[in-house]
N, C-alpha and C. Protein backbone atom coordinates (compact mmCIF):
# COMPACT_ATOMS: atom_id res chain seq x y z
N UNK A 1 -25.79 14.50 -14.09
CA UNK A 1 -25.54 13.01 -13.50
C UNK A 1 -25.11 12.12 -14.61
N UNK A 2 -24.56 11.14 -14.23
CA UNK A 2 -24.29 9.96 -15.12
C UNK A 2 -25.37 9.05 -15.03
N UNK A 3 -25.61 8.22 -15.99
CA UNK A 3 -26.67 7.21 -16.05
C UNK A 3 -26.12 5.87 -15.27
N UNK A 4 -27.08 5.02 -15.00
CA UNK A 4 -26.36 3.57 -14.55
C UNK A 4 -26.03 3.65 -12.87
N UNK A 5 -25.54 2.43 -12.60
CA UNK A 5 -24.97 2.47 -11.40
C UNK A 5 -23.63 2.92 -11.23
N UNK A 6 -23.61 3.74 -10.18
CA UNK A 6 -22.20 4.68 -10.12
C UNK A 6 -21.29 4.07 -9.00
N UNK A 7 -20.09 4.45 -9.12
CA UNK A 7 -19.30 4.04 -7.87
C UNK A 7 -19.50 4.82 -6.78
N UNK A 8 -19.44 4.21 -5.57
CA UNK A 8 -19.95 4.70 -4.28
C UNK A 8 -19.21 5.66 -3.73
N UNK A 9 -17.87 5.89 -4.15
CA UNK A 9 -16.86 6.85 -3.49
C UNK A 9 -17.29 8.34 -3.93
N UNK A 10 -17.21 8.93 -2.71
CA UNK A 10 -17.73 10.36 -2.83
C UNK A 10 -16.92 11.06 -3.87
N UNK A 11 -17.50 11.58 -5.11
CA UNK A 11 -16.78 12.50 -5.98
C UNK A 11 -16.32 11.81 -7.12
N UNK A 12 -16.39 10.56 -7.15
CA UNK A 12 -16.17 9.58 -8.12
C UNK A 12 -17.45 9.47 -9.25
N UNK A 13 -17.20 9.94 -10.52
CA UNK A 13 -18.50 9.85 -11.52
C UNK A 13 -18.25 8.74 -12.43
N UNK A 14 -17.57 7.64 -12.15
CA UNK A 14 -17.69 6.31 -12.85
C UNK A 14 -19.16 5.79 -12.83
N UNK A 15 -19.49 5.32 -13.82
CA UNK A 15 -20.50 4.52 -13.75
C UNK A 15 -20.39 3.40 -14.81
N UNK A 16 -21.16 2.47 -14.62
CA UNK A 16 -21.14 1.00 -15.38
C UNK A 16 -21.51 1.11 -17.05
N UNK A 17 -22.43 2.21 -17.07
CA UNK A 17 -22.96 2.35 -18.33
C UNK A 17 -21.92 2.96 -19.32
N UNK A 18 -21.25 4.17 -18.74
CA UNK A 18 -20.38 5.12 -19.44
C UNK A 18 -18.95 4.22 -19.78
N UNK A 19 -18.56 3.49 -18.54
CA UNK A 19 -17.26 2.74 -18.66
C UNK A 19 -17.47 1.75 -19.89
N UNK A 20 -18.64 0.93 -19.89
CA UNK A 20 -18.95 0.03 -20.90
C UNK A 20 -18.96 0.71 -22.27
N UNK A 21 -19.48 1.66 -22.50
CA UNK A 21 -19.81 2.33 -23.68
C UNK A 21 -18.41 2.76 -24.42
N UNK A 22 -17.58 3.63 -23.34
CA UNK A 22 -16.15 4.02 -23.59
C UNK A 22 -15.21 2.87 -23.81
N UNK A 23 -15.50 1.72 -23.47
CA UNK A 23 -14.63 0.69 -23.49
C UNK A 23 -13.29 0.76 -22.57
N UNK A 24 -13.72 1.21 -21.33
CA UNK A 24 -12.58 1.55 -20.38
C UNK A 24 -11.88 0.18 -19.71
N UNK A 25 -11.07 0.24 -19.16
CA UNK A 25 -10.48 -1.06 -18.42
C UNK A 25 -10.96 -1.07 -17.01
N UNK A 26 -12.26 -0.46 -16.63
CA UNK A 26 -12.37 -0.43 -15.39
C UNK A 26 -13.60 -1.46 -14.78
N UNK A 27 -13.36 -2.07 -13.96
CA UNK A 27 -14.21 -2.95 -13.31
C UNK A 27 -14.86 -2.49 -12.08
N UNK A 28 -16.10 -2.98 -11.29
CA UNK A 28 -16.69 -2.61 -10.32
C UNK A 28 -16.85 -3.69 -9.32
N UNK A 29 -16.32 -3.36 -8.12
CA UNK A 29 -16.43 -4.32 -7.11
C UNK A 29 -17.25 -4.13 -6.35
N UNK A 30 -18.16 -5.33 -5.61
CA UNK A 30 -19.22 -5.26 -4.58
C UNK A 30 -18.60 -5.05 -3.14
N UNK A 31 -19.18 -4.64 -2.40
CA UNK A 31 -18.61 -4.45 -0.98
C UNK A 31 -18.65 -5.77 -0.26
N UNK A 32 -17.86 -5.93 0.67
CA UNK A 32 -17.55 -7.13 1.40
C UNK A 32 -18.74 -7.51 2.24
N UNK A 33 -19.14 -8.58 2.25
CA UNK A 33 -20.64 -9.16 2.72
C UNK A 33 -20.56 -8.87 4.59
N UNK A 34 -19.26 -8.90 5.19
CA UNK A 34 -19.21 -8.61 6.60
C UNK A 34 -19.76 -9.68 7.33
N UNK A 35 -19.72 -10.94 7.01
CA UNK A 35 -20.17 -12.08 7.84
C UNK A 35 -19.28 -12.62 9.03
N UNK A 36 -18.11 -12.23 8.93
CA UNK A 36 -17.11 -12.74 10.13
C UNK A 36 -16.41 -11.48 10.34
N UNK A 37 -15.48 -11.66 11.34
CA UNK A 37 -15.03 -10.27 12.03
C UNK A 37 -14.08 -9.69 10.92
N UNK A 38 -13.27 -10.26 10.18
CA UNK A 38 -12.23 -9.57 9.39
C UNK A 38 -13.09 -8.87 8.09
N UNK A 39 -14.13 -9.72 7.50
CA UNK A 39 -14.77 -8.93 6.55
C UNK A 39 -15.59 -7.75 6.97
N UNK A 40 -16.28 -7.78 8.14
CA UNK A 40 -17.22 -6.83 8.65
C UNK A 40 -16.13 -5.48 9.04
N UNK A 41 -14.76 -5.81 9.41
CA UNK A 41 -14.10 -4.79 9.81
C UNK A 41 -13.73 -3.99 8.27
N UNK A 42 -13.37 -4.85 7.24
CA UNK A 42 -13.02 -4.25 6.03
C UNK A 42 -14.35 -3.61 5.61
N UNK A 43 -15.51 -4.06 5.66
CA UNK A 43 -16.67 -3.38 5.21
C UNK A 43 -16.84 -1.92 5.88
N UNK A 44 -16.61 -1.97 6.98
CA UNK A 44 -16.70 -0.46 7.76
C UNK A 44 -15.59 0.34 7.06
N UNK A 45 -14.41 -0.20 6.74
CA UNK A 45 -13.42 0.65 6.06
C UNK A 45 -13.67 1.02 4.82
N UNK A 46 -14.62 0.23 3.98
CA UNK A 46 -14.89 0.49 2.80
C UNK A 46 -16.01 1.84 2.83
N UNK A 47 -16.84 1.69 3.82
CA UNK A 47 -17.92 2.63 3.91
C UNK A 47 -17.57 3.96 4.15
N UNK A 48 -16.42 3.80 5.37
CA UNK A 48 -15.74 5.08 5.84
C UNK A 48 -15.07 5.55 4.72
N UNK A 49 -14.36 5.21 3.65
CA UNK A 49 -13.53 5.64 2.76
C UNK A 49 -14.62 6.30 1.70
N UNK A 50 -15.55 5.93 1.59
CA UNK A 50 -16.62 6.38 0.46
C UNK A 50 -16.94 7.98 0.79
N UNK A 51 -16.71 8.24 2.12
CA UNK A 51 -17.00 9.72 2.49
C UNK A 51 -18.11 10.24 2.08
N UNK A 52 -19.26 9.33 2.05
CA UNK A 52 -20.52 9.83 1.55
C UNK A 52 -21.34 10.49 2.83
N UNK A 53 -22.05 11.58 2.33
CA UNK A 53 -22.98 12.46 3.40
C UNK A 53 -24.28 11.79 3.02
N UNK A 54 -24.55 10.84 2.59
CA UNK A 54 -25.86 10.19 2.48
C UNK A 54 -26.02 8.90 2.77
N UNK A 55 -27.08 8.19 3.15
CA UNK A 55 -27.14 6.65 3.29
C UNK A 55 -27.04 6.21 2.08
N UNK A 56 -26.64 4.95 2.01
CA UNK A 56 -26.31 4.03 0.73
C UNK A 56 -26.62 2.68 1.39
N UNK A 57 -26.83 1.66 0.24
CA UNK A 57 -27.09 0.36 0.75
C UNK A 57 -25.84 -0.32 0.17
N UNK A 58 -25.04 -0.80 1.12
CA UNK A 58 -23.56 -1.47 0.78
C UNK A 58 -24.00 -2.95 0.21
N UNK A 59 -25.09 -3.38 0.32
CA UNK A 59 -25.32 -4.51 -0.32
C UNK A 59 -25.38 -4.57 -1.81
N UNK A 60 -25.66 -3.38 -2.18
CA UNK A 60 -25.93 -3.28 -3.51
C UNK A 60 -24.95 -2.26 -4.35
N UNK A 61 -24.23 -1.60 -3.45
CA UNK A 61 -23.26 -0.52 -3.91
C UNK A 61 -22.07 -1.19 -4.58
N UNK A 62 -21.33 -0.45 -5.41
CA UNK A 62 -20.05 -1.02 -5.93
C UNK A 62 -18.80 0.12 -5.99
N UNK A 63 -17.68 -0.32 -5.92
CA UNK A 63 -16.62 0.71 -6.15
C UNK A 63 -15.84 0.29 -7.25
N UNK A 64 -15.36 1.24 -8.08
CA UNK A 64 -14.83 1.01 -9.07
C UNK A 64 -13.30 0.56 -9.02
N UNK A 65 -12.68 0.20 -9.96
CA UNK A 65 -11.37 -0.40 -9.81
C UNK A 65 -10.08 0.93 -9.70
N UNK A 66 -10.44 1.91 -10.14
CA UNK A 66 -9.66 2.81 -10.02
C UNK A 66 -9.07 3.37 -8.87
N UNK A 67 -9.70 2.78 -7.64
CA UNK A 67 -9.52 2.99 -6.16
C UNK A 67 -8.76 2.09 -5.52
N UNK A 68 -8.32 1.10 -6.32
CA UNK A 68 -7.49 0.05 -5.67
C UNK A 68 -6.18 -0.24 -6.27
N UNK A 69 -5.20 -0.68 -5.69
CA UNK A 69 -3.66 -0.79 -6.40
C UNK A 69 -3.72 -2.10 -6.86
N UNK A 70 -2.58 -2.21 -7.65
CA UNK A 70 -2.41 -3.62 -8.15
C UNK A 70 -2.11 -4.67 -7.24
N UNK A 71 -1.33 -4.35 -6.12
CA UNK A 71 -1.40 -5.13 -4.97
C UNK A 71 -2.63 -5.72 -4.55
N UNK A 72 -3.77 -5.08 -4.62
CA UNK A 72 -5.11 -5.57 -4.11
C UNK A 72 -5.77 -6.62 -4.79
N UNK A 73 -5.05 -7.04 -5.73
CA UNK A 73 -5.70 -8.03 -6.66
C UNK A 73 -5.02 -9.07 -6.51
N UNK A 74 -5.63 -10.53 -6.66
CA UNK A 74 -5.29 -11.76 -6.49
C UNK A 74 -4.62 -12.07 -7.82
N UNK A 75 -3.61 -13.00 -7.92
CA UNK A 75 -3.08 -13.49 -9.17
C UNK A 75 -4.16 -14.32 -9.81
N UNK A 76 -4.18 -14.44 -11.06
CA UNK A 76 -5.07 -15.23 -11.69
C UNK A 76 -4.37 -16.27 -12.33
N UNK A 77 -4.04 -17.23 -11.57
CA UNK A 77 -2.75 -18.08 -12.35
C UNK A 77 -3.55 -19.15 -13.36
N UNK A 78 -4.71 -19.44 -12.91
CA UNK A 78 -5.42 -20.29 -13.95
C UNK A 78 -5.52 -19.76 -15.28
N UNK A 79 -5.91 -18.69 -15.38
CA UNK A 79 -6.21 -17.81 -16.79
C UNK A 79 -4.78 -17.55 -17.34
N UNK A 80 -3.96 -17.21 -16.45
CA UNK A 80 -2.51 -17.16 -16.82
C UNK A 80 -2.08 -18.33 -17.54
N UNK A 81 -2.13 -19.39 -16.88
CA UNK A 81 -1.54 -20.62 -17.84
C UNK A 81 -2.56 -21.11 -18.77
N UNK A 82 -3.68 -20.83 -19.00
CA UNK A 82 -4.49 -21.06 -20.08
C UNK A 82 -4.65 -19.84 -21.23
N UNK A 83 -4.01 -18.91 -21.02
CA UNK A 83 -3.73 -17.88 -21.86
C UNK A 83 -5.06 -17.07 -22.11
N UNK A 84 -5.90 -17.04 -21.10
CA UNK A 84 -7.18 -16.43 -21.07
C UNK A 84 -7.06 -15.01 -20.86
N UNK A 85 -8.01 -14.17 -20.73
CA UNK A 85 -7.98 -12.83 -20.11
C UNK A 85 -8.08 -12.92 -18.77
N UNK A 86 -7.32 -12.11 -18.09
CA UNK A 86 -6.96 -12.23 -16.64
C UNK A 86 -8.38 -11.84 -15.98
N UNK A 87 -8.98 -12.30 -14.71
CA UNK A 87 -9.92 -11.87 -13.99
C UNK A 87 -9.24 -10.73 -13.12
N UNK A 88 -10.15 -9.87 -12.55
CA UNK A 88 -9.78 -8.94 -11.51
C UNK A 88 -10.27 -9.37 -10.08
N UNK A 89 -9.79 -10.00 -9.44
CA UNK A 89 -10.50 -10.48 -8.20
C UNK A 89 -9.73 -9.88 -6.95
N UNK A 90 -10.37 -8.94 -6.26
CA UNK A 90 -9.95 -8.40 -5.11
C UNK A 90 -9.50 -9.37 -3.97
N UNK A 91 -8.35 -9.20 -3.24
CA UNK A 91 -8.09 -9.88 -2.22
C UNK A 91 -9.12 -9.65 -1.05
N UNK A 92 -9.38 -10.59 -0.06
CA UNK A 92 -10.08 -10.35 0.96
C UNK A 92 -9.97 -8.88 1.89
N UNK A 93 -8.51 -8.63 1.86
CA UNK A 93 -8.45 -7.58 2.83
C UNK A 93 -8.16 -6.34 1.97
N UNK A 94 -8.51 -6.29 0.87
CA UNK A 94 -8.24 -5.02 -0.24
C UNK A 94 -9.24 -3.76 0.55
N UNK A 95 -8.59 -2.70 0.39
CA UNK A 95 -9.41 -1.48 0.84
C UNK A 95 -9.19 -0.40 -0.28
N UNK A 96 -9.93 0.51 -0.67
CA UNK A 96 -9.97 1.61 -1.63
C UNK A 96 -9.08 2.54 -1.06
N UNK A 97 -7.82 2.74 -1.53
CA UNK A 97 -7.03 4.01 -1.02
C UNK A 97 -6.68 4.78 -2.09
N UNK A 98 -7.19 4.90 -3.39
CA UNK A 98 -6.48 5.67 -4.40
C UNK A 98 -7.67 6.63 -4.81
N UNK A 99 -7.33 7.74 -5.21
CA UNK A 99 -8.31 8.59 -5.87
C UNK A 99 -9.82 8.83 -4.80
N UNK A 100 -9.35 9.03 -3.80
CA UNK A 100 -10.48 9.13 -2.72
C UNK A 100 -11.00 10.60 -2.26
N UNK A 101 -10.52 11.65 -2.90
CA UNK A 101 -10.62 12.91 -2.73
C UNK A 101 -10.79 13.38 -1.20
N UNK A 102 -9.44 13.05 -0.59
CA UNK A 102 -9.43 13.40 0.79
C UNK A 102 -9.45 14.74 1.27
N UNK A 103 -9.11 15.76 0.28
CA UNK A 103 -9.38 17.02 0.69
C UNK A 103 -10.87 17.56 0.80
N UNK A 104 -11.80 16.81 0.12
CA UNK A 104 -13.11 17.06 0.01
C UNK A 104 -13.80 16.43 0.99
N UNK A 105 -14.88 17.04 1.62
CA UNK A 105 -15.74 16.34 2.72
C UNK A 105 -17.26 16.43 2.24
N UNK A 106 -17.71 15.38 2.38
CA UNK A 106 -19.13 15.32 2.13
C UNK A 106 -19.98 16.13 3.35
N UNK A 107 -21.14 16.47 2.92
CA UNK A 107 -22.01 17.46 3.87
C UNK A 107 -22.10 16.82 5.34
N UNK A 108 -22.25 15.55 5.32
CA UNK A 108 -22.49 14.82 6.61
C UNK A 108 -21.35 13.55 6.58
N UNK A 109 -20.14 13.82 7.36
CA UNK A 109 -19.12 12.90 7.44
C UNK A 109 -19.63 11.58 7.86
N UNK A 110 -19.08 10.40 7.41
CA UNK A 110 -19.40 8.95 7.50
C UNK A 110 -18.96 8.77 9.12
N UNK A 111 -19.69 7.98 9.76
CA UNK A 111 -19.27 7.66 11.04
C UNK A 111 -18.01 7.21 11.15
N UNK A 112 -17.33 7.56 12.22
CA UNK A 112 -15.83 6.85 12.44
C UNK A 112 -16.03 5.52 12.79
N UNK A 113 -14.75 4.77 12.34
CA UNK A 113 -14.71 3.15 13.01
C UNK A 113 -14.81 3.33 14.47
N UNK A 114 -15.54 2.43 14.97
CA UNK A 114 -15.28 2.17 16.33
C UNK A 114 -14.53 0.69 16.70
N UNK A 115 -13.81 0.92 17.48
CA UNK A 115 -12.90 -0.36 17.89
C UNK A 115 -13.38 -0.74 18.93
N UNK A 116 -14.17 -2.05 19.10
CA UNK A 116 -14.87 -2.50 20.21
C UNK A 116 -14.04 -3.34 21.01
N UNK A 117 -12.81 -3.52 20.86
CA UNK A 117 -12.13 -4.55 21.56
C UNK A 117 -11.82 -3.83 23.07
N UNK A 118 -11.69 -4.76 24.00
CA UNK A 118 -11.79 -4.40 25.17
C UNK A 118 -10.35 -3.71 25.74
N UNK A 119 -9.37 -4.24 24.97
CA UNK A 119 -8.02 -3.43 25.42
C UNK A 119 -8.00 -2.31 24.84
N UNK A 120 -8.75 -1.75 23.74
CA UNK A 120 -8.68 -0.30 23.46
C UNK A 120 -9.64 0.38 24.13
N UNK A 121 -10.81 -0.20 24.84
CA UNK A 121 -11.78 0.63 25.54
C UNK A 121 -11.30 0.88 27.01
N UNK A 122 -10.08 0.05 27.32
CA UNK A 122 -9.41 0.54 28.68
C UNK A 122 -8.25 0.88 28.61
N UNK A 123 -7.52 1.40 27.47
CA UNK A 123 -6.24 1.91 27.49
C UNK A 123 -6.14 3.04 28.02
N UNK A 124 -5.34 3.65 28.65
CA UNK A 124 -5.08 5.08 28.95
C UNK A 124 -4.75 5.91 27.93
N UNK A 125 -5.11 6.91 27.85
CA UNK A 125 -4.81 7.99 27.29
C UNK A 125 -4.22 9.00 27.91
N UNK A 126 -3.19 9.71 27.13
CA UNK A 126 -2.83 10.96 27.46
C UNK A 126 -3.16 12.11 26.84
N UNK A 127 -3.33 13.25 27.28
CA UNK A 127 -3.93 14.57 26.87
C UNK A 127 -2.90 15.74 27.26
N UNK A 128 -2.45 16.38 26.33
CA UNK A 128 -1.73 17.44 26.78
C UNK A 128 -2.56 18.67 26.83
N UNK A 129 -2.79 19.41 28.01
CA UNK A 129 -3.86 20.50 28.08
C UNK A 129 -2.82 21.55 28.96
N UNK A 130 -2.56 22.73 28.28
CA UNK A 130 -1.71 23.67 28.73
C UNK A 130 -0.59 23.35 29.31
N UNK A 131 0.34 22.43 28.54
CA UNK A 131 1.57 22.12 28.77
C UNK A 131 1.57 21.09 29.89
N UNK A 132 0.42 20.56 30.71
CA UNK A 132 0.30 19.64 31.64
C UNK A 132 -0.32 18.20 30.84
N UNK A 133 0.26 17.41 31.53
CA UNK A 133 -0.27 15.95 30.90
C UNK A 133 -1.10 15.35 31.98
N UNK A 134 -2.33 15.01 31.28
CA UNK A 134 -3.40 14.24 32.30
C UNK A 134 -3.50 12.83 31.77
N UNK A 135 -3.65 12.04 32.59
CA UNK A 135 -3.95 10.60 32.17
C UNK A 135 -5.04 10.14 32.78
N UNK A 136 -6.12 9.57 32.02
CA UNK A 136 -7.15 9.09 32.51
C UNK A 136 -7.55 7.96 31.98
N UNK A 137 -8.39 6.90 32.44
CA UNK A 137 -8.87 5.83 31.96
C UNK A 137 -10.45 5.73 31.36
N UNK A 138 -10.82 5.23 30.35
CA UNK A 138 -11.96 5.46 29.78
C UNK A 138 -12.88 4.26 30.64
N UNK A 139 -14.05 4.57 30.72
CA UNK A 139 -14.94 3.62 31.58
C UNK A 139 -15.56 2.71 30.26
N UNK A 140 -15.70 1.54 30.67
CA UNK A 140 -16.47 0.57 29.62
C UNK A 140 -17.97 0.66 29.75
């Protein structure tokens, strides 16, 4: 086990201590706070993509930068113009999609995202059973 705070993604062994010692260009991002609808939706997606079998505190957990694309970062115009080192700040809608070990599963899968919108709850679904199509409406 690696020392220090580690990336929350299941199967990722990056830790702050080791990346600082080895001088890697890896930064760690805190989970979204979930105070409004958009950030709470993004928070649930982050937790879902972690694929952790254990419970963890998303208020203190972090995800390393190897799980984000270049398009997930805001442009640091201020530091560009001043010739300073660029800061790596995530966009509010960024979601970790790289290096997620999708073929591996944790012992206990994370809860699936639940869409609570009225339209989704009442939407008709089609299921094909033995060549026949049954249409049913979900109850609210």
